[in-house]
Amino acid sequence: PAFAAVDWKKHAGTTLEVNLIKGPRGDLLHRSAAEFT
């Protein structure tokens, strides 16, 4: 996917606390968090 249009680095250095539901959706987001970072 092309993410280029967005200023994704605008909040670099911030730490987010994320609360997820255990299951395929939550597990996928949890496993992939390094990519979001």
All heavy atoms as atom14 arrays in JSON, in Angstrom:
{
  "sequence": "PAFAAVDWKKHAGTTLEVNLIKGPRGDLLHRSAAEFT",
  "atom14_mask": [
    [1, 1, 1, 1, 1, 1, 1, 0, 0, 0, 0, 0, 0, 0],
    [1, 1, 1, 1, 1, 0, 0, 0, 0, 0, 0, 0, 0, 0],
    [1, 1, 1, 1, 1, 1, 1, 1, 1, 1, 1, 0, 0, 0],
    [1, 1, 1, 1, 1, 0, 0, 0, 0, 0, 0, 0, 0, 0],
    [1, 1, 1, 1, 1, 0, 0, 0, 0, 0, 0, 0, 0, 0],
    [1, 1, 1, 1, 1, 1, 1, 0, 0, 0, 0, 0, 0, 0],
    [1, 1, 1, 1, 1, 1, 1, 1, 0, 0, 0, 0, 0, 0],
    [1, 1, 1, 1, 1, 1, 1, 1, 1, 1, 1, 1, 1, 1],
    [1, 1, 1, 1, 1, 1, 1, 1, 1, 0, 0, 0, 0, 0],
    [1, 1, 1, 1, 1, 1, 1, 1, 1, 0, 0, 0, 0, 0],
    [1, 1, 1, 1, 1, 1, 1, 1, 1, 1, 0, 0, 0, 0],
    [1, 1, 1, 1, 1, 0, 0, 0, 0, 0, 0, 0, 0, 0],
    [1, 1, 1, 1, 0, 0, 0, 0, 0, 0, 0, 0, 0, 0],
    [1, 1, 1, 1, 1, 1, 1, 0, 0, 0, 0, 0, 0, 0],
    [1, 1, 1, 1, 1, 1, 1, 0, 0, 0, 0, 0, 0, 0],
    [1, 1, 1, 1, 1, 1, 1, 1, 0, 0, 0, 0, 0, 0],
    [1, 1, 1, 1, 1, 1, 1, 1, 1, 0, 0, 0, 0, 0],
    [1, 1, 1, 1, 1, 1, 1, 0, 0, 0, 0, 0, 0, 0],
    [1, 1, 1, 1, 1, 1, 1, 1, 0, 0, 0, 0, 0, 0],
    [1, 1, 1, 1, 1, 1, 1, 1, 0, 0, 0, 0, 0, 0],
    [1, 1, 1, 1, 1, 1, 1, 1, 0, 0, 0, 0, 0, 0],
    [1, 1, 1, 1, 1, 1, 1, 1, 1, 0, 0, 0, 0, 0],
    [1, 1, 1, 1, 0, 0, 0, 0, 0, 0, 0, 0, 0, 0],
    [1, 1, 1, 1, 1, 1, 1, 0, 0, 0, 0, 0, 0, 0],
    [1, 1, 1, 1, 1, 1, 1, 1, 1, 1, 1, 0, 0, 0],
    [1, 1, 1, 1, 0, 0, 0, 0, 0, 0, 0, 0, 0, 0],
    [1, 1, 1, 1, 1, 1, 1, 1, 0, 0, 0, 0, 0, 0],
    [1, 1, 1, 1, 1, 1, 1, 1, 0, 0, 0, 0, 0, 0],
    [1, 1, 1, 1, 1, 1, 1, 1, 0, 0, 0, 0, 0, 0],
    [1, 1, 1, 1, 1, 1, 1, 1, 1, 1, 0, 0, 0, 0],
    [1, 1, 1, 1, 1, 1, 1, 1, 1, 1, 1, 0, 0, 0],
    [1, 1, 1, 1, 1, 1, 0, 0, 0, 0, 0, 0, 0, 0],
    [1, 1, 1, 1, 1, 0, 0, 0, 0, 0, 0, 0, 0, 0],
    [1, 1, 1, 1, 1, 0, 0, 0, 0, 0, 0, 0, 0, 0],
    [1, 1, 1, 1, 1, 1, 1, 1, 1, 0, 0, 0, 0, 0],
    [1, 1, 1, 1, 1, 1, 1, 1, 1, 1, 1, 0, 0, 0],
    [1, 1, 1, 1, 1, 1, 1, 0, 0, 0, 0, 0, 0, 0]
  ],
  "atom14_positions": [
    [[0.83, -1.22, 0.0], [0.0, 0.0, 0.0], [0.85, 1.25, 0.0], [1.93, 1.28, 0.58], [-0.79, -0.13, 1.31], [0.12, -0.91, 2.2], [0.84, -1.87, 1.31], [0.0, 0.0, 0.0], [0.0, 0.0, 0.0], [0.0, 0.0, 0.0], [0.0, 0.0, 0.0], [0.0, 0.0, 0.0], [0.0, 0.0, 0.0], [0.0, 0.0, 0.0]],
    [[0.38, 2.29, -0.66], [1.11, 3.55, -0.7], [0.73, 4.41, 0.49], [-0.37, 4.94, 0.56], [0.79, 4.28, -2.01], [0.0, 0.0, 0.0], [0.0, 0.0, 0.0], [0.0, 0.0, 0.0], [0.0, 0.0, 0.0], [0.0, 0.0, 0.0], [0.0, 0.0, 0.0], [0.0, 0.0, 0.0], [0.0, 0.0, 0.0], [0.0, 0.0, 0.0]],
    [[1.66, 4.55, 1.42], [1.43, 5.37, 2.6], [2.03, 6.77, 2.43], [2.02, 7.56, 3.36], [2.09, 4.72, 3.82], [1.37, 3.52, 4.35], [2.07, 2.39, 4.74], [0.0, 3.52, 4.48], [1.41, 1.29, 5.25], [-0.67, 2.42, 4.99], [0.04, 1.3, 5.38], [0.0, 0.0, 0.0], [0.0, 0.0, 0.0], [0.0, 0.0, 0.0]],
    [[2.57, 7.07, 1.25], [3.4, 8.26, 1.08], [2.69, 9.59, 1.29], [3.31, 10.58, 1.62], [4.03, 8.23, -0.31], [0.0, 0.0, 0.0], [0.0, 0.0, 0.0], [0.0, 0.0, 0.0], [0.0, 0.0, 0.0], [0.0, 0.0, 0.0], [0.0, 0.0, 0.0], [0.0, 0.0, 0.0], [0.0, 0.0, 0.0], [0.0, 0.0, 0.0]],
    [[1.39, 9.66, 1.08], [0.7, 10.94, 1.12], [0.59, 11.54, 2.51], [0.32, 12.73, 2.66], [-0.7, 10.78, 0.53], [0.0, 0.0, 0.0], [0.0, 0.0, 0.0], [0.0, 0.0, 0.0], [0.0, 0.0, 0.0], [0.0, 0.0, 0.0], [0.0, 0.0, 0.0], [0.0, 0.0, 0.0], [0.0, 0.0, 0.0], [0.0, 0.0, 0.0]],
    [[0.79, 10.74, 3.53], [0.57, 11.18, 4.91], [1.88, 11.54, 5.59], [2.92, 10.92, 5.36], [-0.14, 10.05, 5.69], [-0.33, 10.43, 7.16], [-1.48, 9.74, 5.05], [0.0, 0.0, 0.0], [0.0, 0.0, 0.0], [0.0, 0.0, 0.0], [0.0, 0.0, 0.0], [0.0, 0.0, 0.0], [0.0, 0.0, 0.0], [0.0, 0.0, 0.0]],
    [[1.84, 12.56, 6.44], [3.01, 12.92, 7.25], [3.07, 11.97, 8.44], [2.72, 12.33, 9.56], [2.9, 14.37, 7.7], [4.11, 14.82, 8.52], [5.09, 14.04, 8.6], [4.07, 15.93, 9.07], [0.0, 0.0, 0.0], [0.0, 0.0, 0.0], [0.0, 0.0, 0.0], [0.0, 0.0, 0.0], [0.0, 0.0, 0.0], [0.0, 0.0, 0.0]],
    [[3.5, 10.74, 8.19], [3.49, 9.71, 9.22], [4.46, 10.01, 10.36], [4.29, 9.51, 11.48], [3.83, 8.35, 8.61], [2.75, 7.82, 7.72], [2.65, 7.94, 6.36], [1.58, 7.11, 8.14], [1.51, 7.35, 5.91], [0.83, 6.82, 6.97], [1.1, 6.68, 9.37], [-0.37, 6.12, 7.01], [-0.09, 5.98, 9.42], [-0.82, 5.71, 8.26]],
    [[5.5, 10.81, 10.1], [6.51, 11.07, 11.12], [6.16, 12.25, 12.03], [6.95, 12.63, 12.89], [7.85, 11.36, 10.44], [8.47, 10.17, 9.72], [8.91, 9.1, 10.71], [9.66, 7.98, 10.0], [10.1, 6.93, 10.93], [0.0, 0.0, 0.0], [0.0, 0.0, 0.0], [0.0, 0.0, 0.0], [0.0, 0.0, 0.0], [0.0, 0.0, 0.0]],
    [[4.99, 12.81, 11.87], [4.62, 14.01, 12.62], [4.73, 13.83, 14.13], [5.08, 14.77, 14.86], [3.19, 14.41, 12.26], [2.72, 15.69, 12.92], [1.33, 16.1, 12.45], [0.86, 17.4, 13.1], [-0.49, 17.8, 12.62], [0.0, 0.0, 0.0], [0.0, 0.0, 0.0], [0.0, 0.0, 0.0], [0.0, 0.0, 0.0], [0.0, 0.0, 0.0]],
    [[4.46, 12.63, 14.62], [4.48, 12.4, 16.06], [5.56, 11.39, 16.47], [5.39, 10.67, 17.45], [3.1, 11.95, 16.53], [2.04, 12.99, 16.36], [1.91, 14.07, 17.2], [1.08, 13.14, 15.4], [0.91, 14.83, 16.79], [0.39, 14.29, 15.69], [0.0, 0.0, 0.0], [0.0, 0.0, 0.0], [0.0, 0.0, 0.0], [0.0, 0.0, 0.0]],
    [[6.65, 11.38, 15.7], [7.76, 10.49, 16.03], [8.25, 10.77, 17.45], [8.33, 11.92, 17.88], [8.9, 10.68, 15.03], [0.0, 0.0, 0.0], [0.0, 0.0, 0.0], [0.0, 0.0, 0.0], [0.0, 0.0, 0.0], [0.0, 0.0, 0.0], [0.0, 0.0, 0.0], [0.0, 0.0, 0.0], [0.0, 0.0, 0.0], [0.0, 0.0, 0.0]],
    [[8.55, 9.7, 18.16], [9.01, 9.84, 19.54], [7.91, 9.65, 20.57], [8.18, 9.47, 21.76], [0.0, 0.0, 0.0], [0.0, 0.0, 0.0], [0.0, 0.0, 0.0], [0.0, 0.0, 0.0], [0.0, 0.0, 0.0], [0.0, 0.0, 0.0], [0.0, 0.0, 0.0], [0.0, 0.0, 0.0], [0.0, 0.0, 0.0], [0.0, 0.0, 0.0]],
    [[6.67, 9.68, 20.11], [5.53, 9.46, 21.0], [5.41, 7.97, 21.33], [5.78, 7.12, 20.53], [4.22, 9.93, 20.32], [4.32, 11.32, 20.03], [3.01, 9.67, 21.2], [0.0, 0.0, 0.0], [0.0, 0.0, 0.0], [0.0, 0.0, 0.0], [0.0, 0.0, 0.0], [0.0, 0.0, 0.0], [0.0, 0.0, 0.0], [0.0, 0.0, 0.0]],
    [[4.88, 7.66, 22.5], [4.56, 6.28, 22.86], [3.05, 6.17, 23.05], [2.46, 6.93, 23.81], [5.27, 5.83, 24.15], [6.69, 5.86, 23.93], [4.85, 4.43, 24.54], [0.0, 0.0, 0.0], [0.0, 0.0, 0.0], [0.0, 0.0, 0.0], [0.0, 0.0, 0.0], [0.0, 0.0, 0.0], [0.0, 0.0, 0.0], [0.0, 0.0, 0.0]],
    [[2.45, 5.22, 22.35], [1.02, 4.98, 22.46], [0.75, 3.73, 23.29], [1.42, 2.71, 23.13], [0.41, 4.75, 21.07], [0.18, 5.96, 20.17], [-0.33, 5.48, 18.81], [-0.83, 6.92, 20.79], [0.0, 0.0, 0.0], [0.0, 0.0, 0.0], [0.0, 0.0, 0.0], [0.0, 0.0, 0.0], [0.0, 0.0, 0.0], [0.0, 0.0, 0.0]],
    [[-0.25, 3.83, 24.16], [-0.74, 2.66, 24.89], [-1.97, 2.16, 24.14], [-2.94, 2.9, 23.93], [-1.12, 3.04, 26.33], [0.04, 3.57, 27.16], [1.05, 2.5, 27.52], [0.68, 1.31, 27.48], [2.21, 2.86, 27.83], [0.0, 0.0, 0.0], [0.0, 0.0, 0.0], [0.0, 0.0, 0.0], [0.0, 0.0, 0.0], [0.0, 0.0, 0.0]],
    [[-1.94, 0.9, 23.74], [-3.0, 0.33, 22.91], [-3.6, -0.89, 23.6], [-2.87, -1.78, 24.04], [-2.45, -0.08, 21.52], [-3.55, -0.69, 20.67], [-1.84, 1.14, 20.81], [0.0, 0.0, 0.0], [0.0, 0.0, 0.0], [0.0, 0.0, 0.0], [0.0, 0.0, 0.0], [0.0, 0.0, 0.0], [0.0, 0.0, 0.0], [0.0, 0.0, 0.0]],
    [[-4.93, -0.91, 23.69], [-5.63, -2.02, 24.33], [-6.37, -2.83, 23.27], [-7.25, -2.3, 22.58], [-6.62, -1.47, 25.37], [-7.25, -2.56, 26.21], [-8.02, -3.37, 25.7], [-6.94, -2.57, 27.49], [0.0, 0.0, 0.0], [0.0, 0.0, 0.0], [0.0, 0.0, 0.0], [0.0, 0.0, 0.0], [0.0, 0.0, 0.0], [0.0, 0.0, 0.0]],
    [[-6.01, -4.11, 23.12], [-6.54, -4.95, 22.05], [-7.27, -6.18, 22.59], [-6.98, -6.66, 23.69], [-5.39, -5.41, 21.14], [-4.57, -4.31, 20.45], [-3.33, -4.91, 19.8], [-5.42, -3.58, 19.42], [0.0, 0.0, 0.0], [0.0, 0.0, 0.0], [0.0, 0.0, 0.0], [0.0, 0.0, 0.0], [0.0, 0.0, 0.0], [0.0, 0.0, 0.0]],
    [[-8.19, -6.7, 21.78], [-8.91, -7.93, 22.11], [-8.11, -9.11, 21.6], [-7.68, -9.15, 20.44], [-10.3, -7.94, 21.45], [-11.14, -6.75, 21.94], [-11.02, -9.25, 21.73], [-12.43, -6.56, 21.16], [0.0, 0.0, 0.0], [0.0, 0.0, 0.0], [0.0, 0.0, 0.0], [0.0, 0.0, 0.0], [0.0, 0.0, 0.0], [0.0, 0.0, 0.0]],
    [[-7.9, -10.1, 22.46], [-7.19, -11.31, 22.07], [-7.97, -12.04, 20.98], [-9.17, -12.3, 21.11], [-7.03, -12.23, 23.28], [-6.32, -13.55, 23.0], [-4.87, -13.32, 22.71], [-4.15, -14.67, 22.5], [-2.76, -14.45, 22.01], [0.0, 0.0, 0.0], [0.0, 0.0, 0.0], [0.0, 0.0, 0.0], [0.0, 0.0, 0.0], [0.0, 0.0, 0.0]],
    [[-7.3, -12.38, 19.89], [-7.93, -13.04, 18.76], [-7.14, -12.72, 17.5], [-6.12, -12.02, 17.56], [0.0, 0.0, 0.0], [0.0, 0.0, 0.0], [0.0, 0.0, 0.0], [0.0, 0.0, 0.0], [0.0, 0.0, 0.0], [0.0, 0.0, 0.0], [0.0, 0.0, 0.0], [0.0, 0.0, 0.0], [0.0, 0.0, 0.0], [0.0, 0.0, 0.0]],
    [[-7.58, -13.2, 16.34], [-6.81, -12.98, 15.11], [-6.53, -11.5, 14.81], [-5.44, -11.15, 14.37], [-7.7, -13.6, 14.02], [-8.5, -14.62, 14.75], [-8.76, -14.05, 16.11], [0.0, 0.0, 0.0], [0.0, 0.0, 0.0], [0.0, 0.0, 0.0], [0.0, 0.0, 0.0], [0.0, 0.0, 0.0], [0.0, 0.0, 0.0], [0.0, 0.0, 0.0]],
    [[-7.53, -10.61, 15.06], [-7.35, -9.2, 14.74], [-6.36, -8.54, 15.7], [-5.39, -7.9, 15.29], [-8.69, -8.46, 14.79], [-9.52, -8.62, 13.56], [-10.39, -9.84, 13.58], [-11.56, -9.69, 14.44], [-12.44, -10.68, 14.65], [-12.27, -11.87, 14.1], [-13.49, -10.49, 15.44], [0.0, 0.0, 0.0], [0.0, 0.0, 0.0], [0.0, 0.0, 0.0]],
    [[-6.61, -8.72, 17.0], [-5.72, -8.13, 17.98], [-4.32, -8.69, 17.9], [-3.33, -7.96, 18.01], [0.0, 0.0, 0.0], [0.0, 0.0, 0.0], [0.0, 0.0, 0.0], [0.0, 0.0, 0.0], [0.0, 0.0, 0.0], [0.0, 0.0, 0.0], [0.0, 0.0, 0.0], [0.0, 0.0, 0.0], [0.0, 0.0, 0.0], [0.0, 0.0, 0.0]],
    [[-4.21, -9.99, 17.68], [-2.89, -10.62, 17.59], [-2.1, -10.1, 16.39], [-0.88, -9.88, 16.48], [-3.03, -12.14, 17.5], [-3.52, -12.78, 18.79], [-3.52, -12.08, 19.83], [-3.9, -13.96, 18.75], [0.0, 0.0, 0.0], [0.0, 0.0, 0.0], [0.0, 0.0, 0.0], [0.0, 0.0, 0.0], [0.0, 0.0, 0.0], [0.0, 0.0, 0.0]],
    [[-2.78, -9.9, 15.27], [-2.11, -9.38, 14.08], [-1.55, -7.98, 14.34], [-0.4, -7.69, 14.0], [-3.08, -9.35, 12.9], [-2.55, -8.7, 11.61], [-1.37, -9.48, 11.05], [-3.66, -8.58, 10.56], [0.0, 0.0, 0.0], [0.0, 0.0, 0.0], [0.0, 0.0, 0.0], [0.0, 0.0, 0.0], [0.0, 0.0, 0.0], [0.0, 0.0, 0.0]],
    [[-2.34, -7.11, 14.95], [-1.88, -5.76, 15.24], [-0.73, -5.79, 16.23], [0.24, -5.03, 16.1], [-3.04, -4.92, 15.8], [-4.2, -4.66, 14.83], [-5.31, -3.9, 15.54], [-3.73, -3.9, 13.6], [0.0, 0.0, 0.0], [0.0, 0.0, 0.0], [0.0, 0.0, 0.0], [0.0, 0.0, 0.0], [0.0, 0.0, 0.0], [0.0, 0.0, 0.0]],
    [[-0.83, -6.65, 17.22], [0.23, -6.77, 18.22], [1.54, -7.24, 17.58], [2.6, -6.65, 17.82], [-0.22, -7.76, 19.3], [0.76, -7.98, 20.39], [1.08, -7.01, 21.33], [1.52, -9.06, 20.71], [1.97, -7.49, 22.17], [2.26, -8.73, 21.82], [0.0, 0.0, 0.0], [0.0, 0.0, 0.0], [0.0, 0.0, 0.0], [0.0, 0.0, 0.0]],
    [[1.46, -8.26, 16.75], [2.66, -8.81, 16.1], [3.31, -7.81, 15.16], [4.53, -7.82, 14.96], [2.31, -10.07, 15.29], [2.02, -11.29, 16.08], [2.07, -12.54, 15.18], [1.28, -12.39, 13.97], [0.02, -12.74, 13.86], [-0.63, -13.23, 14.91], [-0.63, -12.6, 12.71], [0.0, 0.0, 0.0], [0.0, 0.0, 0.0], [0.0, 0.0, 0.0]],
    [[2.5, -6.96, 14.54], [2.99, -6.06, 13.49], [3.35, -4.68, 14.0], [3.67, -3.79, 13.21], [1.93, -5.93, 12.39], [1.52, -7.19, 11.91], [0.0, 0.0, 0.0], [0.0, 0.0, 0.0], [0.0, 0.0, 0.0], [0.0, 0.0, 0.0], [0.0, 0.0, 0.0], [0.0, 0.0, 0.0], [0.0, 0.0, 0.0], [0.0, 0.0, 0.0]],
    [[3.32, -4.47, 15.31], [3.55, -3.14, 15.88], [4.89, -2.54, 15.47], [5.02, -1.33, 15.31], [3.43, -3.18, 17.39], [0.0, 0.0, 0.0], [0.0, 0.0, 0.0], [0.0, 0.0, 0.0], [0.0, 0.0, 0.0], [0.0, 0.0, 0.0], [0.0, 0.0, 0.0], [0.0, 0.0, 0.0], [0.0, 0.0, 0.0], [0.0, 0.0, 0.0]],
    [[5.91, -3.39, 15.32], [7.23, -2.89, 14.93], [7.19, -2.19, 13.58], [7.92, -1.22, 13.34], [8.25, -4.03, 14.89], [0.0, 0.0, 0.0], [0.0, 0.0, 0.0], [0.0, 0.0, 0.0], [0.0, 0.0, 0.0], [0.0, 0.0, 0.0], [0.0, 0.0, 0.0], [0.0, 0.0, 0.0], [0.0, 0.0, 0.0], [0.0, 0.0, 0.0]],
    [[6.33, -2.65, 12.69], [6.21, -2.02, 11.37], [5.59, -0.63, 11.5], [5.98, 0.3, 10.78], [5.37, -2.9, 10.44], [6.02, -4.23, 10.14], [5.18, -5.08, 9.2], [4.25, -4.53, 8.57], [5.45, -6.28, 9.1], [0.0, 0.0, 0.0], [0.0, 0.0, 0.0], [0.0, 0.0, 0.0], [0.0, 0.0, 0.0], [0.0, 0.0, 0.0]],
    [[4.6, -0.5, 12.38], [4.0, 0.82, 12.6], [5.05, 1.77, 13.17], [5.12, 2.94, 12.78], [2.81, 0.7, 13.55], [2.2, 2.03, 13.9], [1.43, 2.73, 12.98], [2.41, 2.6, 15.15], [0.88, 3.97, 13.29], [1.86, 3.83, 15.48], [1.1, 4.52, 14.55], [0.0, 0.0, 0.0], [0.0, 0.0, 0.0], [0.0, 0.0, 0.0]],
    [[5.87, 1.29, 14.07], [6.93, 2.13, 14.65], [7.92, 2.55, 13.57], [8.36, 3.7, 13.53], [7.65, 1.38, 15.77], [6.7, 1.06, 16.8], [8.76, 2.22, 16.37], [0.0, 0.0, 0.0], [0.0, 0.0, 0.0], [0.0, 0.0, 0.0], [0.0, 0.0, 0.0], [0.0, 0.0, 0.0], [0.0, 0.0, 0.0], [0.0, 0.0, 0.0]]
  ]
}
